[in-house]
Amino acid sequence: MDGRIGIWIVVIAAIAATMILSGRLTARIAVRRGRSGRVWFAVGALLFLLFPLPQWFVELLPKK
């Protein structure tokens, strides 16, 4: 190992943290709108590269 493993660990940790943050924000908005928090957490986490778009999409859905 030539020392690059530490960089990969930091990169993977940063990606995981961003996925969790995006999922939590999307789920929080979804619960306010009367939607399932678990489902929207997964959607927000999987679409973390499109960060604000899942939240905007949930805001556009009608309230239940």
PDB file of N, CA and C in Angstrom:
ATOM      1  N   MET A   1       0.851  -1.186   0.000  1.00  0.00           N
ATOM      2  CA  MET A   1       0.000   0.000   0.000  1.00  0.00           C
ATOM      3  C   MET A   1       0.888   1.237   0.000  1.00  0.00           C
ATOM      4  N   ASP A   2       0.555   2.154  -0.835  1.00  0.00           N
ATOM      5  CA  ASP A   2       1.408   3.318  -1.001  1.00  0.00           C
ATOM      6  C   ASP A   2       0.836   4.590  -0.366  1.00  0.00           C
ATOM      7  N   GLY A   3      -0.081   4.451   0.547  1.00  0.00           N
ATOM      8  CA  GLY A   3      -0.588   5.607   1.257  1.00  0.00           C
ATOM      9  C   GLY A   3      -1.865   6.188   0.683  1.00  0.00           C
ATOM     10  N   ARG A   4      -2.328   5.677  -0.448  1.00  0.00           N
ATOM     11  CA  ARG A   4      -3.550   6.211  -1.045  1.00  0.00           C
ATOM     12  C   ARG A   4      -4.810   5.676  -0.386  1.00  0.00           C
ATOM     13  N   ILE A   5      -4.673   4.667   0.424  1.00  0.00           N
ATOM     14  CA  ILE A   5      -5.846   4.091   1.082  1.00  0.00           C
ATOM     15  C   ILE A   5      -6.506   5.104   2.005  1.00  0.00           C
ATOM     16  N   GLY A   6      -5.724   5.945   2.643  1.00  0.00           N
ATOM     17  CA  GLY A   6      -6.273   6.976   3.518  1.00  0.00           C
ATOM     18  C   GLY A   6      -7.110   7.985   2.754  1.00  0.00           C
ATOM     19  N   ILE A   7      -6.678   8.322   1.554  1.00  0.00           N
ATOM     20  CA  ILE A   7      -7.438   9.253   0.722  1.00  0.00           C
ATOM     21  C   ILE A   7      -8.773   8.633   0.333  1.00  0.00           C
ATOM     22  N   TRP A   8      -8.753   7.363  -0.032  1.00  0.00           N
ATOM     23  CA  TRP A   8      -9.999   6.677  -0.414  1.00  0.00           C
ATOM     24  C   TRP A   8     -10.961   6.591   0.759  1.00  0.00           C
ATOM     25  N   ILE A   9     -10.450   6.359   1.939  1.00  0.00           N
ATOM     26  CA  ILE A   9     -11.311   6.298   3.123  1.00  0.00           C
ATOM     27  C   ILE A   9     -11.974   7.645   3.357  1.00  0.00           C
ATOM     28  N   VAL A  10     -11.244   8.718   3.214  1.00  0.00           N
ATOM     29  CA  VAL A  10     -11.800  10.063   3.394  1.00  0.00           C
ATOM     30  C   VAL A  10     -12.844  10.362   2.318  1.00  0.00           C
ATOM     31  N   VAL A  11     -12.569   9.990   1.081  1.00  0.00           N
ATOM     32  CA  VAL A  11     -13.510  10.230  -0.012  1.00  0.00           C
ATOM     33  C   VAL A  11     -14.802   9.451   0.206  1.00  0.00           C
ATOM     34  N   ILE A  12     -14.690   8.183   0.568  1.00  0.00           N
ATOM     35  CA  ILE A  12     -15.874   7.356   0.800  1.00  0.00           C
ATOM     36  C   ILE A  12     -16.667   7.877   2.000  1.00  0.00           C
ATOM     37  N   ALA A  13     -15.988   8.314   3.048  1.00  0.00           N
ATOM     38  CA  ALA A  13     -16.675   8.868   4.208  1.00  0.00           C
ATOM     39  C   ALA A  13     -17.403  10.162   3.838  1.00  0.00           C
ATOM     40  N   ALA A  14     -16.794  10.989   3.012  1.00  0.00           N
ATOM     41  CA  ALA A  14     -17.434  12.235   2.590  1.00  0.00           C
ATOM     42  C   ALA A  14     -18.672  11.956   1.730  1.00  0.00           C
ATOM     43  N   ILE A  15     -18.579  10.980   0.853  1.00  0.00           N
ATOM     44  CA  ILE A  15     -19.730  10.614   0.015  1.00  0.00           C
ATOM     45  C   ILE A  15     -20.849  10.059   0.882  1.00  0.00           C
ATOM     46  N   ALA A  16     -20.517   9.194   1.828  1.00  0.00           N
ATOM     47  CA  ALA A  16     -21.540   8.623   2.714  1.00  0.00           C
ATOM     48  C   ALA A  16     -22.207   9.711   3.550  1.00  0.00           C
ATOM     49  N   ALA A  17     -21.431  10.652   4.052  1.00  0.00           N
ATOM     50  CA  ALA A  17     -22.002  11.748   4.848  1.00  0.00           C
ATOM     51  C   ALA A  17     -22.923  12.613   3.997  1.00  0.00           C
ATOM     52  N   THR A  18     -22.544  12.868   2.757  1.00  0.00           N
ATOM     53  CA  THR A  18     -23.388  13.658   1.861  1.00  0.00           C
ATOM     54  C   THR A  18     -24.678  12.921   1.536  1.00  0.00           C
ATOM     55  N   MET A  19     -24.590  11.611   1.343  1.00  0.00           N
ATOM     56  CA  MET A  19     -25.791  10.814   1.076  1.00  0.00           C
ATOM     57  C   MET A  19     -26.748  10.854   2.265  1.00  0.00           C
ATOM     58  N   ILE A  20     -26.209  10.706   3.462  1.00  0.00           N
ATOM     59  CA  ILE A  20     -27.049  10.725   4.658  1.00  0.00           C
ATOM     60  C   ILE A  20     -27.685  12.096   4.851  1.00  0.00           C
ATOM     61  N   LEU A  21     -26.927  13.153   4.659  1.00  0.00           N
ATOM     62  CA  LEU A  21     -27.462  14.508   4.801  1.00  0.00           C
ATOM     63  C   LEU A  21     -28.570  14.769   3.788  1.00  0.00           C
ATOM     64  N   SER A  22     -28.341  14.416   2.546  1.00  0.00           N
ATOM     65  CA  SER A  22     -29.343  14.625   1.510  1.00  0.00           C
ATOM     66  C   SER A  22     -30.601  13.807   1.797  1.00  0.00           C
ATOM     67  N   GLY A  23     -30.421  12.571   2.226  1.00  0.00           N
ATOM     68  CA  GLY A  23     -31.564  11.727   2.560  1.00  0.00           C
ATOM     69  C   GLY A  23     -32.351  12.268   3.735  1.00  0.00           C
ATOM     70  N   ARG A  24     -31.660  12.737   4.752  1.00  0.00           N
ATOM     71  CA  ARG A  24     -32.352  13.278   5.939  1.00  0.00           C
ATOM     72  C   ARG A  24     -33.144  14.535   5.600  1.00  0.00           C
ATOM     73  N   LEU A  25     -32.553  15.417   4.796  1.00  0.00           N
ATOM     74  CA  LEU A  25     -33.265  16.639   4.428  1.00  0.00           C
ATOM     75  C   LEU A  25     -34.496  16.319   3.584  1.00  0.00           C
ATOM     76  N   THR A  26     -34.355  15.394   2.641  1.00  0.00           N
ATOM     77  CA  THR A  26     -35.491  15.007   1.807  1.00  0.00           C
ATOM     78  C   THR A  26     -36.574  14.353   2.656  1.00  0.00           C
ATOM     79  N   ALA A  27     -36.199  13.465   3.566  1.00  0.00           N
ATOM     80  CA  ALA A  27     -37.174  12.783   4.414  1.00  0.00           C
ATOM     81  C   ALA A  27     -37.876  13.766   5.336  1.00  0.00           C
ATOM     82  N   ARG A  28     -37.172  14.740   5.852  1.00  0.00           N
ATOM     83  CA  ARG A  28     -37.778  15.733   6.741  1.00  0.00           C
ATOM     84  C   ARG A  28     -38.862  16.519   6.012  1.00  0.00           C
ATOM     85  N   ILE A  29     -38.586  16.923   4.783  1.00  0.00           N
ATOM     86  CA  ILE A  29     -39.580  17.649   3.995  1.00  0.00           C
ATOM     87  C   ILE A  29     -40.754  16.734   3.664  1.00  0.00           C
ATOM     88  N   ALA A  30     -40.473  15.474   3.334  1.00  0.00           N
ATOM     89  CA  ALA A  30     -41.530  14.521   2.980  1.00  0.00           C
ATOM     90  C   ALA A  30     -42.465  14.273   4.162  1.00  0.00           C
ATOM     91  N   VAL A  31     -41.935  14.149   5.350  1.00  0.00           N
ATOM     92  CA  VAL A  31     -42.768  13.920   6.534  1.00  0.00           C
ATOM     93  C   VAL A  31     -43.659  15.134   6.786  1.00  0.00           C
ATOM     94  N   ARG A  32     -43.116  16.327   6.598  1.00  0.00           N
ATOM     95  CA  ARG A  32     -43.939  17.535   6.739  1.00  0.00           C
ATOM     96  C   ARG A  32     -45.087  17.553   5.745  1.00  0.00           C
ATOM     97  N   ARG A  33     -44.862  16.963   4.564  1.00  0.00           N
ATOM     98  CA  ARG A  33     -45.883  16.935   3.521  1.00  0.00           C
ATOM     99  C   ARG A  33     -46.800  15.724   3.641  1.00  0.00           C
ATOM    100  N   GLY A  34     -46.577  14.864   4.642  1.00  0.00           N
ATOM    101  CA  GLY A  34     -47.434  13.710   4.857  1.00  0.00           C
ATOM    102  C   GLY A  34     -47.010  12.474   4.098  1.00  0.00           C
ATOM    103  N   ARG A  35     -45.798  12.420   3.645  1.00  0.00           N
ATOM    104  CA  ARG A  35     -45.278  11.279   2.889  1.00  0.00           C
ATOM    105  C   ARG A  35     -44.434  10.393   3.793  1.00  0.00           C
ATOM    106  N   SER A  36     -44.072   9.224   3.275  1.00  0.00           N
ATOM    107  CA  SER A  36     -43.256   8.270   4.029  1.00  0.00           C
ATOM    108  C   SER A  36     -41.817   8.774   4.133  1.00  0.00           C
ATOM    109  N   GLY A  37     -41.324   8.883   5.349  1.00  0.00           N
ATOM    110  CA  GLY A  37     -39.961   9.351   5.554  1.00  0.00           C
ATOM    111  C   GLY A  37     -38.912   8.358   5.091  1.00  0.00           C
ATOM    112  N   ARG A  38     -39.157   7.069   5.301  1.00  0.00           N
ATOM    113  CA  ARG A  38     -38.170   6.051   4.915  1.00  0.00           C
ATOM    114  C   ARG A  38     -37.960   5.996   3.418  1.00  0.00           C
ATOM    115  N   VAL A  39     -39.051   6.023   2.685  1.00  0.00           N
ATOM    116  CA  VAL A  39     -38.953   5.954   1.223  1.00  0.00           C
ATOM    117  C   VAL A  39     -38.209   7.170   0.691  1.00  0.00           C
ATOM    118  N   TRP A  40     -38.573   8.352   1.172  1.00  0.00           N
ATOM    119  CA  TRP A  40     -37.941   9.562   0.670  1.00  0.00           C
ATOM    120  C   TRP A  40     -36.505   9.727   1.176  1.00  0.00           C
ATOM    121  N   PHE A  41     -36.185   9.109   2.311  1.00  0.00           N
ATOM    122  CA  PHE A  41     -34.783   9.086   2.738  1.00  0.00           C
ATOM    123  C   PHE A  41     -33.961   8.323   1.716  1.00  0.00           C
ATOM    124  N   ALA A  42     -34.463   7.169   1.292  1.00  0.00           N
ATOM    125  CA  ALA A  42     -33.742   6.356   0.305  1.00  0.00           C
ATOM    126  C   ALA A  42     -33.617   7.090  -1.025  1.00  0.00           C
ATOM    127  N   VAL A  43     -34.695   7.727  -1.463  1.00  0.00           N
ATOM    128  CA  VAL A  43     -34.652   8.461  -2.730  1.00  0.00           C
ATOM    129  C   VAL A  43     -33.651   9.614  -2.633  1.00  0.00           C
ATOM    130  N   GLY A  44     -33.700  10.362  -1.555  1.00  0.00           N
ATOM    131  CA  GLY A  44     -32.777  11.484  -1.386  1.00  0.00           C
ATOM    132  C   GLY A  44     -31.331  11.042  -1.289  1.00  0.00           C
ATOM    133  N   ALA A  45     -31.096   9.904  -0.628  1.00  0.00           N
ATOM    134  CA  ALA A  45     -29.731   9.406  -0.495  1.00  0.00           C
ATOM    135  C   ALA A  45     -29.200   8.890  -1.834  1.00  0.00           C
ATOM    136  N   LEU A  46     -30.047   8.230  -2.599  1.00  0.00           N
ATOM    137  CA  LEU A  46     -29.594   7.701  -3.887  1.00  0.00           C
ATOM    138  C   LEU A  46     -29.382   8.800  -4.919  1.00  0.00           C
ATOM    139  N   LEU A  47     -30.119   9.874  -4.803  1.00  0.00           N
ATOM    140  CA  LEU A  47     -29.991  10.985  -5.750  1.00  0.00           C
ATOM    141  C   LEU A  47     -29.191  12.144  -5.164  1.00  0.00           C
ATOM    142  N   PHE A  48     -28.209  11.826  -4.328  1.00  0.00           N
ATOM    143  CA  PHE A  48     -27.451  12.875  -3.644  1.00  0.00           C
ATOM    144  C   PHE A  48     -26.665  13.754  -4.609  1.00  0.00           C
ATOM    145  N   LEU A  49     -26.337  13.256  -5.784  1.00  0.00           N
ATOM    146  CA  LEU A  49     -25.604  14.084  -6.745  1.00  0.00           C
ATOM    147  C   LEU A  49     -26.483  15.206  -7.301  1.00  0.00           C
ATOM    148  N   LEU A  50     -27.778  15.012  -7.274  1.00  0.00           N
ATOM    149  CA  LEU A  50     -28.727  16.032  -7.721  1.00  0.00           C
ATOM    150  C   LEU A  50     -29.306  16.739  -6.507  1.00  0.00           C
ATOM    151  N   PHE A  51     -28.474  17.117  -5.563  1.00  0.00           N
ATOM    152  CA  PHE A  51     -28.835  17.469  -4.191  1.00  0.00           C
ATOM    153  C   PHE A  51     -30.122  18.256  -4.011  1.00  0.00           C
ATOM    154  N   PRO A  52     -30.338  19.423  -4.585  1.00  0.00           N
ATOM    155  CA  PRO A  52     -31.584  20.109  -4.221  1.00  0.00           C
ATOM    156  C   PRO A  52     -32.815  19.563  -4.939  1.00  0.00           C
ATOM    157  N   LEU A  53     -32.647  18.816  -6.022  1.00  0.00           N
ATOM    158  CA  LEU A  53     -33.797  18.382  -6.810  1.00  0.00           C
ATOM    159  C   LEU A  53     -34.761  17.460  -6.069  1.00  0.00           C
ATOM    160  N   PRO A  54     -34.324  16.451  -5.306  1.00  0.00           N
ATOM    161  CA  PRO A  54     -35.308  15.635  -4.581  1.00  0.00           C
ATOM    162  C   PRO A  54     -36.140  16.450  -3.593  1.00  0.00           C
ATOM    163  N   GLN A  55     -35.526  17.414  -2.921  1.00  0.00           N
ATOM    164  CA  GLN A  55     -36.264  18.240  -1.986  1.00  0.00           C
ATOM    165  C   GLN A  55     -37.300  19.091  -2.708  1.00  0.00           C
ATOM    166  N   TRP A  56     -36.943  19.634  -3.853  1.00  0.00           N
ATOM    167  CA  TRP A  56     -37.880  20.438  -4.627  1.00  0.00           C
ATOM    168  C   TRP A  56     -39.032  19.583  -5.141  1.00  0.00           C
ATOM    169  N   PHE A  57     -38.722  18.368  -5.547  1.00  0.00           N
ATOM    170  CA  PHE A  57     -39.757  17.479  -6.050  1.00  0.00           C
ATOM    171  C   PHE A  57     -40.770  17.152  -4.956  1.00  0.00           C
ATOM    172  N   VAL A  58     -40.283  16.889  -3.746  1.00  0.00           N
ATOM    173  CA  VAL A  58     -41.190  16.595  -2.637  1.00  0.00           C
ATOM    174  C   VAL A  58     -42.051  17.808  -2.315  1.00  0.00           C
ATOM    175  N   GLU A  59     -41.477  18.990  -2.381  1.00  0.00           N
ATOM    176  CA  GLU A  59     -42.236  20.216  -2.103  1.00  0.00           C
ATOM    177  C   GLU A  59     -43.351  20.431  -3.135  1.00  0.00           C
ATOM    178  N   LEU A  60     -43.156  19.968  -4.358  1.00  0.00           N
ATOM    179  CA  LEU A  60     -44.162  20.143  -5.394  1.00  0.00           C
ATOM    180  C   LEU A  60     -45.304  19.125  -5.307  1.00  0.00           C
ATOM    181  N   LEU A  61     -45.092  18.011  -4.605  1.00  0.00           N
ATOM    182  CA  LEU A  61     -46.146  17.020  -4.460  1.00  0.00           C
ATOM    183  C   LEU A  61     -47.279  17.562  -3.603  1.00  0.00           C
ATOM    184  N   PRO A  62     -48.517  17.161  -3.902  1.00  0.00           N
ATOM    185  CA  PRO A  62     -49.627  17.630  -3.069  1.00  0.00           C
ATOM    186  C   PRO A  62     -49.569  17.005  -1.672  1.00  0.00           C
ATOM    187  N   LYS A  63     -50.091  17.719  -0.679  1.00  0.00           N
ATOM    188  CA  LYS A  63     -50.104  17.199   0.685  1.00  0.00           C
ATOM    189  C   LYS A  63     -51.088  16.047   0.774  1.00  0.00           C
ATOM    190  N   LYS A  64     -50.770  15.073   1.608  1.00  0.00           N
ATOM    191  CA  LYS A  64     -51.686  13.950   1.836  1.00  0.00           C
ATOM    192  C   LYS A  64     -52.599  14.267   2.971  1.00  0.00           C
TER     193      LYS A  64
END
